[in-house]
Amino acid sequence: MNLKEISWKEVLKDITQNKETSNIPTGTPTPEHMRKAMQSYIDMINKNYHEGTLNLFADNYMLEDPFGTKALTISNGFTAEDFEDEDVQFIPKKAKLIAPISTTYGNQAAMAFKLWMDVGGQEVTIDIIDVMTFDESGKIIKVVAHWSRDNVSLINRGNDSKE
């Protein structure tokens, strides 16, 4: 049975009746794998070890950050060079989950987190919801980041700061 053939009502009915959700296909990646990969992404930002995320991503993955902007195809994982720009330097400082990681019955998971970073000498925080898509081997093949100007706070900038 295809996952698209069942409804949210059937899923919740199975859960509330403590039934095994046999109508829901199991496969790869598992919810546990997706949660672990997303937590590792946060952990690597906090360790300032961007090259450590290489094993999380497919060789070529798509990044749309934020949603609605030009999507990029990035090769060889996520590296410090991804934050380089000719005019402005982007330096992630810290990341913290602000809600539990949510997985799906398919190959996507989402996480809400706060990112602290230095943007050209200005400290900012961004409240982000990332939706990541995984391939059958468990590698991240797509990241769509949901945030806008309203989710960005300038830190230590007098009256302009939202924090």
N, C-alpha and C. Protein backbone atom coordinates (compact mmCIF):
# COMPACT_ATOMS: atom_id res chain seq x y z
N MET A 1 0.84 -1.19 0.00
CA MET A 1 0.00 0.00 0.00
C MET A 1 0.88 1.24 0.00
N ASN A 2 0.54 2.17 -0.81
CA ASN A 2 1.24 3.44 -0.92
C ASN A 2 0.82 4.35 0.23
N LEU A 3 1.76 5.07 0.82
CA LEU A 3 1.46 5.97 1.92
C LEU A 3 0.39 6.98 1.54
N LYS A 4 0.37 7.41 0.30
CA LYS A 4 -0.60 8.41 -0.15
C LYS A 4 -2.03 7.86 -0.14
N GLU A 5 -2.19 6.55 0.01
CA GLU A 5 -3.52 5.95 0.00
C GLU A 5 -4.19 5.96 1.37
N ILE A 6 -3.48 6.35 2.41
CA ILE A 6 -4.09 6.41 3.73
C ILE A 6 -4.20 7.87 4.17
N SER A 7 -5.12 8.13 5.06
CA SER A 7 -5.35 9.51 5.50
C SER A 7 -4.79 9.73 6.90
N TRP A 8 -4.75 10.99 7.28
CA TRP A 8 -4.31 11.34 8.63
C TRP A 8 -5.26 10.73 9.66
N LYS A 9 -6.53 10.57 9.30
CA LYS A 9 -7.50 9.97 10.22
C LYS A 9 -7.13 8.52 10.53
N GLU A 10 -6.72 7.79 9.48
CA GLU A 10 -6.33 6.39 9.68
C GLU A 10 -5.07 6.28 10.53
N VAL A 11 -4.14 7.18 10.31
CA VAL A 11 -2.91 7.18 11.10
C VAL A 11 -3.23 7.43 12.57
N LEU A 12 -4.01 8.47 12.85
CA LEU A 12 -4.34 8.79 14.25
C LEU A 12 -5.20 7.71 14.89
N LYS A 13 -6.08 7.11 14.12
CA LYS A 13 -6.91 6.02 14.65
C LYS A 13 -6.02 4.86 15.11
N ASP A 14 -5.05 4.49 14.26
CA ASP A 14 -4.13 3.42 14.63
C ASP A 14 -3.33 3.78 15.88
N ILE A 15 -2.88 5.02 15.95
CA ILE A 15 -2.07 5.45 17.10
C ILE A 15 -2.90 5.45 18.38
N THR A 16 -4.11 6.04 18.34
CA THR A 16 -4.94 6.13 19.55
C THR A 16 -5.47 4.79 20.00
N GLN A 17 -5.57 3.83 19.09
CA GLN A 17 -6.01 2.49 19.45
C GLN A 17 -4.83 1.58 19.76
N ASN A 18 -3.64 2.19 19.83
CA ASN A 18 -2.41 1.47 20.15
C ASN A 18 -2.16 0.30 19.21
N LYS A 19 -2.56 0.46 17.96
CA LYS A 19 -2.33 -0.56 16.95
C LYS A 19 -1.01 -0.29 16.25
N GLU A 20 -0.39 -1.35 15.83
CA GLU A 20 0.76 -1.17 14.96
C GLU A 20 0.24 -0.56 13.67
N THR A 21 0.91 0.42 13.19
CA THR A 21 0.45 1.10 11.98
C THR A 21 0.90 0.31 10.77
N SER A 22 0.27 -0.84 10.58
CA SER A 22 0.67 -1.74 9.50
C SER A 22 0.38 -1.17 8.12
N ASN A 23 -0.52 -0.20 8.04
CA ASN A 23 -0.81 0.42 6.75
C ASN A 23 0.27 1.40 6.33
N ILE A 24 1.16 1.70 7.21
CA ILE A 24 2.19 2.69 6.92
C ILE A 24 3.47 1.97 6.54
N PRO A 25 3.96 2.25 5.34
CA PRO A 25 5.17 1.56 4.90
C PRO A 25 6.36 1.90 5.78
N THR A 26 7.14 0.91 6.07
CA THR A 26 8.38 1.14 6.79
C THR A 26 9.51 1.00 5.79
N GLY A 27 10.49 1.78 5.94
CA GLY A 27 11.60 1.72 5.01
C GLY A 27 12.71 2.60 5.50
N THR A 28 13.55 2.95 4.61
CA THR A 28 14.66 3.80 4.97
C THR A 28 14.40 5.18 4.43
N PRO A 29 14.84 6.19 5.06
CA PRO A 29 15.48 6.15 6.37
C PRO A 29 14.44 6.04 7.49
N THR A 30 14.87 5.55 8.61
CA THR A 30 13.97 5.43 9.75
C THR A 30 13.81 6.78 10.43
N PRO A 31 12.73 6.97 11.19
CA PRO A 31 12.60 8.21 11.96
C PRO A 31 13.79 8.45 12.88
N GLU A 32 14.31 7.39 13.48
CA GLU A 32 15.46 7.52 14.37
C GLU A 32 16.68 8.04 13.61
N HIS A 33 16.88 7.53 12.40
CA HIS A 33 18.02 7.98 11.60
C HIS A 33 17.88 9.46 11.25
N MET A 34 16.69 9.87 10.85
CA MET A 34 16.48 11.27 10.47
C MET A 34 16.69 12.19 11.67
N ARG A 35 16.17 11.80 12.84
CA ARG A 35 16.38 12.61 14.06
C ARG A 35 17.86 12.72 14.40
N LYS A 36 18.55 11.61 14.32
CA LYS A 36 19.99 11.60 14.65
C LYS A 36 20.78 12.49 13.67
N ALA A 37 20.45 12.42 12.39
CA ALA A 37 21.15 13.24 11.39
C ALA A 37 20.91 14.72 11.65
N MET A 38 19.67 15.08 11.96
CA MET A 38 19.36 16.49 12.19
C MET A 38 20.01 17.00 13.48
N GLN A 39 20.03 16.16 14.51
CA GLN A 39 20.70 16.54 15.74
C GLN A 39 22.20 16.69 15.50
N SER A 40 22.78 15.82 14.68
CA SER A 40 24.21 15.91 14.35
C SER A 40 24.51 17.21 13.63
N TYR A 41 23.60 17.66 12.78
CA TYR A 41 23.76 18.93 12.07
C TYR A 41 23.86 20.08 13.08
N ILE A 42 22.97 20.10 14.06
CA ILE A 42 23.01 21.12 15.12
C ILE A 42 24.31 21.00 15.92
N ASP A 43 24.68 19.78 16.29
CA ASP A 43 25.90 19.56 17.08
C ASP A 43 27.14 20.05 16.34
N MET A 44 27.20 19.81 15.05
CA MET A 44 28.37 20.23 14.27
C MET A 44 28.47 21.76 14.18
N ILE A 45 27.34 22.45 14.08
CA ILE A 45 27.37 23.91 14.10
C ILE A 45 27.96 24.37 15.43
N ASN A 46 27.53 23.75 16.51
CA ASN A 46 28.00 24.15 17.84
C ASN A 46 29.48 23.84 18.07
N LYS A 47 29.99 22.87 17.35
CA LYS A 47 31.41 22.53 17.46
C LYS A 47 32.25 23.30 16.45
N ASN A 48 31.58 24.15 15.62
CA ASN A 48 32.27 24.88 14.55
C ASN A 48 33.04 23.91 13.67
N TYR A 49 32.43 22.77 13.42
CA TYR A 49 33.06 21.69 12.66
C TYR A 49 32.18 21.37 11.46
N HIS A 50 32.15 22.27 10.50
CA HIS A 50 31.26 22.12 9.36
C HIS A 50 31.63 20.91 8.50
N GLU A 51 32.91 20.61 8.41
CA GLU A 51 33.32 19.45 7.62
C GLU A 51 32.78 18.16 8.23
N GLY A 52 32.45 18.17 9.51
CA GLY A 52 31.88 16.99 10.17
C GLY A 52 30.50 16.63 9.64
N THR A 53 29.87 17.56 8.95
CA THR A 53 28.55 17.28 8.39
C THR A 53 28.62 16.60 7.03
N LEU A 54 29.82 16.43 6.49
CA LEU A 54 29.97 15.84 5.16
C LEU A 54 29.27 14.50 5.04
N ASN A 55 29.33 13.67 6.09
CA ASN A 55 28.72 12.34 6.01
C ASN A 55 27.20 12.39 6.13
N LEU A 56 26.63 13.55 6.45
CA LEU A 56 25.18 13.67 6.56
C LEU A 56 24.53 13.93 5.21
N PHE A 57 25.26 14.56 4.30
CA PHE A 57 24.70 15.02 3.04
C PHE A 57 25.09 14.13 1.87
N ALA A 58 24.20 14.06 0.87
CA ALA A 58 24.53 13.40 -0.39
C ALA A 58 25.61 14.22 -1.09
N ASP A 59 26.27 13.62 -2.06
CA ASP A 59 27.34 14.32 -2.78
C ASP A 59 26.86 15.63 -3.38
N ASN A 60 25.66 15.67 -3.90
CA ASN A 60 25.05 16.88 -4.42
C ASN A 60 23.68 17.02 -3.78
N TYR A 61 23.47 18.08 -3.05
CA TYR A 61 22.16 18.28 -2.44
C TYR A 61 21.67 19.69 -2.77
N MET A 62 20.35 19.87 -2.63
CA MET A 62 19.74 21.15 -2.95
C MET A 62 19.46 21.91 -1.66
N LEU A 63 19.78 23.20 -1.66
CA LEU A 63 19.56 24.07 -0.52
C LEU A 63 18.75 25.27 -0.97
N GLU A 64 17.60 25.48 -0.32
CA GLU A 64 16.80 26.68 -0.56
C GLU A 64 16.68 27.39 0.78
N ASP A 65 17.49 28.46 0.95
CA ASP A 65 17.64 29.10 2.25
C ASP A 65 17.69 30.62 2.07
N PRO A 66 16.56 31.29 2.41
CA PRO A 66 15.28 30.76 2.87
C PRO A 66 14.39 30.34 1.70
N PHE A 67 13.31 29.65 2.04
CA PHE A 67 12.32 29.24 1.04
C PHE A 67 11.87 30.46 0.24
N GLY A 68 11.78 30.30 -1.06
CA GLY A 68 11.37 31.40 -1.92
C GLY A 68 12.54 32.09 -2.59
N THR A 69 13.77 31.78 -2.17
CA THR A 69 14.95 32.35 -2.81
C THR A 69 15.53 31.32 -3.78
N LYS A 70 16.57 31.71 -4.48
CA LYS A 70 17.19 30.83 -5.46
C LYS A 70 17.73 29.57 -4.77
N ALA A 71 17.33 28.41 -5.27
CA ALA A 71 17.83 27.14 -4.75
C ALA A 71 19.23 26.90 -5.30
N LEU A 72 20.09 26.40 -4.45
CA LEU A 72 21.47 26.11 -4.83
C LEU A 72 21.71 24.61 -4.78
N THR A 73 22.53 24.12 -5.68
CA THR A 73 23.00 22.74 -5.60
C THR A 73 24.40 22.80 -5.04
N ILE A 74 24.60 22.11 -3.92
CA ILE A 74 25.89 22.15 -3.24
C ILE A 74 26.53 20.78 -3.35
N SER A 75 27.79 20.76 -3.73
CA SER A 75 28.54 19.52 -3.87
C SER A 75 29.45 19.32 -2.67
N ASN A 76 29.72 18.09 -2.37
CA ASN A 76 30.68 17.72 -1.32
C ASN A 76 30.25 18.17 0.06
N GLY A 77 28.98 18.08 0.37
CA GLY A 77 28.52 18.36 1.73
C GLY A 77 28.50 19.83 2.06
N PHE A 78 28.56 20.11 3.33
CA PHE A 78 28.40 21.45 3.89
C PHE A 78 29.74 21.86 4.48
N THR A 79 30.36 22.90 3.94
CA THR A 79 31.68 23.30 4.40
C THR A 79 31.69 24.78 4.78
N ALA A 80 32.76 25.20 5.39
CA ALA A 80 32.90 26.60 5.79
C ALA A 80 32.83 27.53 4.59
N GLU A 81 33.24 27.05 3.42
CA GLU A 81 33.19 27.88 2.22
C GLU A 81 31.76 28.28 1.84
N ASP A 82 30.78 27.49 2.29
CA ASP A 82 29.38 27.82 1.99
C ASP A 82 28.96 29.12 2.64
N PHE A 83 29.72 29.60 3.62
CA PHE A 83 29.40 30.84 4.31
C PHE A 83 30.21 32.02 3.79
N GLU A 84 31.07 31.77 2.81
CA GLU A 84 31.89 32.85 2.29
C GLU A 84 31.13 33.64 1.23
N ASP A 85 31.37 34.92 1.19
CA ASP A 85 30.75 35.83 0.23
C ASP A 85 31.78 36.90 -0.07
N GLU A 86 31.71 37.48 -1.25
CA GLU A 86 32.69 38.50 -1.61
C GLU A 86 32.55 39.74 -0.73
N ASP A 87 31.33 40.08 -0.33
CA ASP A 87 31.10 41.33 0.39
C ASP A 87 30.92 41.16 1.90
N VAL A 88 30.28 40.09 2.31
CA VAL A 88 29.93 39.91 3.72
C VAL A 88 30.34 38.51 4.17
N GLN A 89 30.90 38.44 5.37
CA GLN A 89 31.27 37.14 5.93
C GLN A 89 30.15 36.64 6.83
N PHE A 90 29.80 35.36 6.70
CA PHE A 90 28.76 34.71 7.49
C PHE A 90 29.41 33.66 8.37
N ILE A 91 29.35 33.83 9.70
CA ILE A 91 30.00 32.90 10.61
C ILE A 91 28.97 32.37 11.61
N PRO A 92 28.53 31.10 11.44
CA PRO A 92 27.64 30.51 12.44
C PRO A 92 28.37 30.36 13.76
N LYS A 93 27.70 30.72 14.86
CA LYS A 93 28.31 30.65 16.18
C LYS A 93 27.72 29.53 17.03
N LYS A 94 26.40 29.38 16.97
CA LYS A 94 25.73 28.45 17.87
C LYS A 94 24.35 28.14 17.30
N ALA A 95 23.85 26.94 17.60
CA ALA A 95 22.49 26.57 17.20
C ALA A 95 21.84 25.80 18.35
N LYS A 96 20.54 26.02 18.52
CA LYS A 96 19.82 25.34 19.60
C LYS A 96 18.42 24.97 19.12
N LEU A 97 18.07 23.69 19.28
CA LEU A 97 16.71 23.27 18.96
C LEU A 97 15.74 23.99 19.88
N ILE A 98 14.61 24.43 19.33
CA ILE A 98 13.60 25.10 20.16
C ILE A 98 12.31 24.29 20.22
N ALA A 99 12.32 23.11 19.61
CA ALA A 99 11.20 22.17 19.66
C ALA A 99 11.76 20.80 19.28
N PRO A 100 11.05 19.73 19.61
CA PRO A 100 11.52 18.40 19.20
C PRO A 100 11.57 18.28 17.67
N ILE A 101 12.48 17.46 17.18
CA ILE A 101 12.57 17.17 15.75
C ILE A 101 11.35 16.34 15.37
N SER A 102 10.69 16.72 14.30
CA SER A 102 9.50 16.01 13.82
C SER A 102 9.86 15.20 12.59
N THR A 103 9.51 13.91 12.62
CA THR A 103 9.75 13.05 11.47
C THR A 103 8.41 12.76 10.79
N THR A 104 8.48 12.13 9.63
CA THR A 104 7.28 11.79 8.88
C THR A 104 7.28 10.30 8.58
N TYR A 105 6.20 9.85 7.97
CA TYR A 105 6.13 8.46 7.53
C TYR A 105 6.81 8.30 6.18
N GLY A 106 7.28 9.38 5.64
CA GLY A 106 8.01 9.35 4.38
C GLY A 106 9.49 9.58 4.64
N ASN A 107 10.10 10.37 3.79
CA ASN A 107 11.55 10.57 3.88
C ASN A 107 11.91 12.01 4.23
N GLN A 108 11.04 12.69 4.99
CA GLN A 108 11.32 14.07 5.40
C GLN A 108 11.21 14.20 6.91
N ALA A 109 11.94 15.20 7.43
CA ALA A 109 11.86 15.55 8.84
C ALA A 109 12.04 17.07 8.93
N ALA A 110 11.57 17.63 10.04
CA ALA A 110 11.65 19.08 10.23
C ALA A 110 12.15 19.38 11.63
N MET A 111 12.84 20.51 11.75
CA MET A 111 13.29 20.95 13.07
C MET A 111 13.21 22.46 13.14
N ALA A 112 12.82 22.93 14.33
CA ALA A 112 12.80 24.37 14.61
C ALA A 112 14.00 24.65 15.49
N PHE A 113 14.81 25.63 15.09
CA PHE A 113 15.99 25.95 15.89
C PHE A 113 16.31 27.43 15.78
N LYS A 114 17.10 27.88 16.73
CA LYS A 114 17.61 29.25 16.73
C LYS A 114 19.08 29.17 16.35
N LEU A 115 19.47 30.03 15.41
CA LEU A 115 20.86 30.09 14.96
C LEU A 115 21.43 31.45 15.34
N TRP A 116 22.56 31.43 16.00
CA TRP A 116 23.30 32.64 16.31
C TRP A 116 24.43 32.72 15.30
N MET A 117 24.61 33.89 14.68
CA MET A 117 25.71 34.01 13.73
C MET A 117 26.19 35.45 13.64
N ASP A 118 27.38 35.58 13.11
CA ASP A 118 27.98 36.88 12.83
C ASP A 118 27.84 37.11 11.33
N VAL A 119 27.22 38.23 10.97
CA VAL A 119 27.03 38.58 9.57
C VAL A 119 27.74 39.91 9.33
N GLY A 120 28.93 39.83 8.78
CA GLY A 120 29.69 41.05 8.50
C GLY A 120 29.95 41.89 9.73
N GLY A 121 30.18 41.25 10.87
CA GLY A 121 30.46 41.97 12.11
C GLY A 121 29.22 42.25 12.96
N GLN A 122 28.04 42.00 12.44
CA GLN A 122 26.79 42.20 13.20
C GLN A 122 26.31 40.84 13.71
N GLU A 123 26.13 40.74 15.02
CA GLU A 123 25.59 39.51 15.59
C GLU A 123 24.08 39.47 15.37
N VAL A 124 23.59 38.30 14.93
CA VAL A 124 22.17 38.12 14.70
C VAL A 124 21.74 36.76 15.23
N THR A 125 20.44 36.63 15.47
CA THR A 125 19.84 35.32 15.68
C THR A 125 18.76 35.17 14.62
N ILE A 126 18.55 33.93 14.21
CA ILE A 126 17.50 33.62 13.24
C ILE A 126 16.73 32.42 13.77
N ASP A 127 15.41 32.57 13.87
CA ASP A 127 14.54 31.44 14.20
C ASP A 127 14.19 30.76 12.88
N ILE A 128 14.57 29.49 12.75
CA ILE A 128 14.48 28.76 11.47
C ILE A 128 13.71 27.46 11.66
N ILE A 129 12.97 27.11 10.65
CA ILE A 129 12.42 25.75 10.55
C ILE A 129 13.03 25.15 9.29
N ASP A 130 13.84 24.12 9.46
CA ASP A 130 14.43 23.40 8.33
C ASP A 130 13.63 22.15 8.06
N VAL A 131 13.31 21.93 6.79
CA VAL A 131 12.70 20.68 6.35
C VAL A 131 13.74 19.98 5.49
N MET A 132 14.12 18.78 5.89
CA MET A 132 15.15 18.03 5.18
C MET A 132 14.55 16.78 4.56
N THR A 133 14.98 16.50 3.33
CA THR A 133 14.56 15.31 2.61
C THR A 133 15.75 14.38 2.52
N PHE A 134 15.50 13.09 2.75
CA PHE A 134 16.55 12.07 2.78
C PHE A 134 16.37 11.10 1.63
N ASP A 135 17.50 10.55 1.12
CA ASP A 135 17.41 9.50 0.11
C ASP A 135 17.34 8.14 0.82
N GLU A 136 17.26 7.06 0.03
CA GLU A 136 17.11 5.72 0.60
C GLU A 136 18.29 5.32 1.49
N SER A 137 19.46 5.89 1.22
CA SER A 137 20.64 5.55 2.03
C SER A 137 20.73 6.38 3.30
N GLY A 138 19.78 7.32 3.48
CA GLY A 138 19.77 8.13 4.69
C GLY A 138 20.53 9.44 4.59
N LYS A 139 21.03 9.76 3.40
CA LYS A 139 21.74 11.03 3.21
C LYS A 139 20.74 12.16 2.93
N ILE A 140 21.07 13.36 3.37
CA ILE A 140 20.23 14.52 3.13
C ILE A 140 20.41 14.95 1.68
N ILE A 141 19.29 15.06 0.94
CA ILE A 141 19.35 15.45 -0.47
C ILE A 141 18.72 16.82 -0.71
N LYS A 142 18.00 17.32 0.27
CA LYS A 142 17.36 18.63 0.09
C LYS A 142 17.12 19.26 1.45
N VAL A 143 17.42 20.56 1.54
CA VAL A 143 17.15 21.34 2.74
C VAL A 143 16.37 22.58 2.31
N VAL A 144 15.21 22.77 2.92
CA VAL A 144 14.43 23.98 2.70
C VAL A 144 14.30 24.67 4.05
N ALA A 145 14.87 25.86 4.14
CA ALA A 145 14.86 26.64 5.38
C ALA A 145 13.72 27.65 5.33
N HIS A 146 12.90 27.65 6.36
CA HIS A 146 11.77 28.58 6.44
C HIS A 146 12.09 29.66 7.47
N TRP A 147 12.31 30.87 6.98
CA TRP A 147 12.52 32.04 7.82
C TRP A 147 12.38 33.28 6.95
N SER A 148 12.14 34.39 7.58
CA SER A 148 12.05 35.66 6.86
C SER A 148 12.64 36.76 7.73
N ARG A 149 12.55 37.96 7.26
CA ARG A 149 13.06 39.12 8.01
C ARG A 149 12.49 39.16 9.43
N ASP A 150 11.23 38.76 9.58
CA ASP A 150 10.58 38.78 10.90
C ASP A 150 11.23 37.81 11.88
N ASN A 151 11.98 36.84 11.39
CA ASN A 151 12.62 35.84 12.24
C ASN A 151 14.07 36.18 12.59
N VAL A 152 14.54 37.33 12.12
CA VAL A 152 15.93 37.74 12.36
C VAL A 152 15.96 38.84 13.41
N SER A 153 16.79 38.64 14.43
CA SER A 153 16.98 39.65 15.47
C SER A 153 18.42 40.12 15.45
N LEU A 154 18.61 41.42 15.49
CA LEU A 154 19.95 42.00 15.59
C LEU A 154 20.29 42.10 17.06
N ILE A 155 21.49 41.70 17.41
CA ILE A 155 21.92 41.70 18.81
C ILE A 155 22.88 42.85 19.03
N ASN A 156 22.77 43.50 20.16
CA ASN A 156 23.66 44.60 20.54
C ASN A 156 23.63 45.74 19.53
N ARG A 157 22.45 46.11 19.13
CA ARG A 157 22.36 47.20 18.18
C ARG A 157 21.34 48.22 18.69
N GLY A 158 21.41 48.51 19.95
CA GLY A 158 20.56 49.55 20.54
C GLY A 158 19.09 49.24 20.41
N ASN A 159 18.32 50.20 19.95
CA ASN A 159 16.88 50.07 19.88
C ASN A 159 16.41 49.20 18.75
N ASP A 160 17.27 48.84 17.80
CA ASP A 160 16.87 48.00 16.69
C ASP A 160 16.75 46.54 17.07
N SER A 161 17.32 46.15 18.20
CA SER A 161 17.34 44.76 18.60
C SER A 161 15.97 44.29 19.07
N LYS A 162 15.59 43.07 18.62
CA LYS A 162 14.32 42.48 19.06
C LYS A 162 14.53 41.66 20.35
N GLU A 163 15.78 41.49 20.75
CA GLU A 163 16.04 40.68 21.96
C GLU A 163 16.46 41.56 23.10
